[in-house]
C-alpha atoms as a PDB file:
ATOM      1  CA  MET A   1      58.481 -21.902  -2.352  1.00  0.00           C
ATOM      2  CA  ILE A   2      55.215 -23.488  -1.243  1.00  0.00           C
ATOM      3  CA  ALA A   3      52.449 -23.575  -3.830  1.00  0.00           C
ATOM      4  CA  ALA A   4      49.176 -22.168  -2.557  1.00  0.00           C
ATOM      5  CA  LYS A   5      46.167 -24.378  -3.077  1.00  0.00           C
ATOM      6  CA  ARG A   6      43.498 -22.530  -5.021  1.00  0.00           C
ATOM      7  CA  LEU A   7      39.952 -23.071  -3.782  1.00  0.00           C
ATOM      8  CA  LYS A   8      37.195 -23.645  -6.276  1.00  0.00           C
ATOM      9  CA  PRO A   9      34.821 -20.656  -6.229  1.00  0.00           C
ATOM     10  CA  PHE A  10      31.484 -22.516  -6.277  1.00  0.00           C
ATOM     11  CA  PRO A  11      31.939 -24.588  -3.073  1.00  0.00           C
ATOM     12  CA  VAL A  12      33.313 -21.559  -1.242  1.00  0.00           C
ATOM     13  CA  LEU A  13      30.411 -19.395  -2.408  1.00  0.00           C
ATOM     14  CA  ALA A  14      27.906 -22.108  -1.486  1.00  0.00           C
ATOM     15  CA  ALA A  15      29.376 -22.356   2.017  1.00  0.00           C
ATOM     16  CA  ILE A  16      29.189 -18.583   2.485  1.00  0.00           C
ATOM     17  CA  MET A  17      25.577 -18.469   1.277  1.00  0.00           C
ATOM     18  CA  ALA A  18      24.583 -21.316   3.603  1.00  0.00           C
ATOM     19  CA  ALA A  19      26.214 -19.556   6.552  1.00  0.00           C
ATOM     20  CA  LEU A  20      24.396 -16.308   5.752  1.00  0.00           C
ATOM     21  CA  LEU A  21      21.037 -18.030   5.417  1.00  0.00           C
ATOM     22  CA  PHE A  22      21.527 -19.898   8.674  1.00  0.00           C
ATOM     23  CA  SER A  23      22.661 -16.813  10.577  1.00  0.00           C
ATOM     24  CA  SER A  24      19.739 -14.687   9.359  1.00  0.00           C
ATOM     25  CA  ALA A  25      17.244 -17.409  10.267  1.00  0.00           C
ATOM     26  CA  VAL A  26      18.685 -17.669  13.740  1.00  0.00           C
ATOM     27  CA  THR A  27      18.832 -13.922  14.404  1.00  0.00           C
ATOM     28  CA  ALA A  28      15.441 -12.986  12.917  1.00  0.00           C
ATOM     29  CA  ARG A  29      12.942 -12.146  15.611  1.00  0.00           C
ATOM     30  CA  GLU A  30       9.729 -10.236  15.903  1.00  0.00           C
ATOM     31  CA  ILE A  31       9.936  -6.823  17.530  1.00  0.00           C
ATOM     32  CA  SER A  32       7.167  -5.626  19.824  1.00  0.00           C
ATOM     33  CA  VAL A  33       5.010  -2.597  19.180  1.00  0.00           C
ATOM     34  CA  GLN A  34       6.818  -0.846  22.053  1.00  0.00           C
ATOM     35  CA  GLU A  35      10.207  -1.482  20.403  1.00  0.00           C
ATOM     36  CA  ALA A  36       8.895  -0.188  17.071  1.00  0.00           C
ATOM     37  CA  MET A  37       7.519   2.917  18.786  1.00  0.00           C
ATOM     38  CA  ALA A  38      10.856   3.568  20.483  1.00  0.00           C
ATOM     39  CA  MET A  39      12.615   3.271  17.102  1.00  0.00           C
ATOM     40  CA  ILE A  40      10.268   5.828  15.546  1.00  0.00           C
ATOM     41  CA  GLN A  41      10.599   8.279  18.413  1.00  0.00           C
ATOM     42  CA  ARG A  42      14.389   7.922  18.450  1.00  0.00           C
ATOM     43  CA  ASP A  43      14.813   8.279  14.683  1.00  0.00           C
ATOM     44  CA  THR A  44      12.189  10.932  13.858  1.00  0.00           C
ATOM     45  CA  HIS A  45      11.524  12.764  17.152  1.00  0.00           C
ATOM     46  CA  ALA A  46       7.841  12.536  16.204  1.00  0.00           C
ATOM     47  CA  LYS A  47       4.912  12.165  18.589  1.00  0.00           C
ATOM     48  CA  VAL A  48       2.972   8.929  18.071  1.00  0.00           C
ATOM     49  CA  LEU A  49      -0.735   9.660  17.634  1.00  0.00           C
ATOM     50  CA  SER A  50      -1.996   6.122  16.989  1.00  0.00           C
ATOM     51  CA  VAL A  51      -0.837   2.641  16.077  1.00  0.00           C
ATOM     52  CA  GLN A  52      -2.468  -0.294  14.287  1.00  0.00           C
ATOM     53  CA  THR A  53      -1.227  -3.856  14.029  1.00  0.00           C
ATOM     54  CA  LEU A  54      -1.881  -5.289  10.567  1.00  0.00           C
ATOM     55  CA  ARG A  55      -1.471  -8.766   9.089  1.00  0.00           C
ATOM     56  CA  ILE A  56      -0.571  -8.719   5.400  1.00  0.00           C
ATOM     57  CA  ASP A  57       0.392 -12.012   3.723  1.00  0.00           C
ATOM     58  CA  LYS A  58       1.144 -13.621   7.100  1.00  0.00           C
ATOM     59  CA  ARG A  59       3.432 -10.725   8.056  1.00  0.00           C
ATOM     60  CA  LYS A  60       2.827  -8.473  11.020  1.00  0.00           C
ATOM     61  CA  ILE A  61       3.158  -4.759  10.293  1.00  0.00           C
ATOM     62  CA  TYR A  62       2.832  -1.872  12.718  1.00  0.00           C
ATOM     63  CA  ARG A  63       1.283   1.239  11.161  1.00  0.00           C
ATOM     64  CA  PHE A  64       1.982   4.403  13.138  1.00  0.00           C
ATOM     65  CA  LYS A  65       0.363   7.791  12.651  1.00  0.00           C
ATOM     66  CA  VAL A  66       2.812  10.398  13.942  1.00  0.00           C
ATOM     67  CA  LEU A  67       3.039  14.157  14.325  1.00  0.00           C
ATOM     68  CA  THR A  68       6.426  15.409  13.140  1.00  0.00           C
ATOM     69  CA  PRO A  69       8.296  18.233  14.888  1.00  0.00           C
ATOM     70  CA  GLY A  70       7.347  20.366  11.857  1.00  0.00           C
ATOM     71  CA  GLY A  71       3.635  19.840  12.537  1.00  0.00           C
ATOM     72  CA  GLN A  72       2.898  17.356   9.730  1.00  0.00           C
ATOM     73  CA  VAL A  73       0.970  14.124  10.227  1.00  0.00           C
ATOM     74  CA  ARG A  74       2.732  11.136   8.657  1.00  0.00           C
ATOM     75  CA  VAL A  75       2.092   7.399   8.455  1.00  0.00           C
ATOM     76  CA  ILE A  76       5.054   5.108   9.101  1.00  0.00           C
ATOM     77  CA  GLU A  77       4.943   1.331   8.672  1.00  0.00           C
ATOM     78  CA  ILE A  78       7.418  -1.002  10.357  1.00  0.00           C
ATOM     79  CA  LYS A  79       7.659  -4.745   9.729  1.00  0.00           C
ATOM     80  CA  ALA A  80       7.609  -6.696  12.976  1.00  0.00           C
ATOM     81  CA  ASP A  81      10.060  -9.330  11.708  1.00  0.00           C
ATOM     82  CA  GLN A  82      13.223  -7.253  11.834  1.00  0.00           C
END
């Protein structure tokens, strides 16, 4: 019978965390206002009335005012760095 080598948990965990951090940094990108609008329309079926682009703490945020299918006006904020 071959003895299985047991890995130490800390180095394995550190490697996994490093891989996750690297992959999220590589895949993070800024979405356009048109992409954000398409997401809202697809997910809520609301009509976009207006949009503002805000900068809060060096982050870009799109603030949409929408009219829901039920006739209510709502404000939806989407972070550009998805």
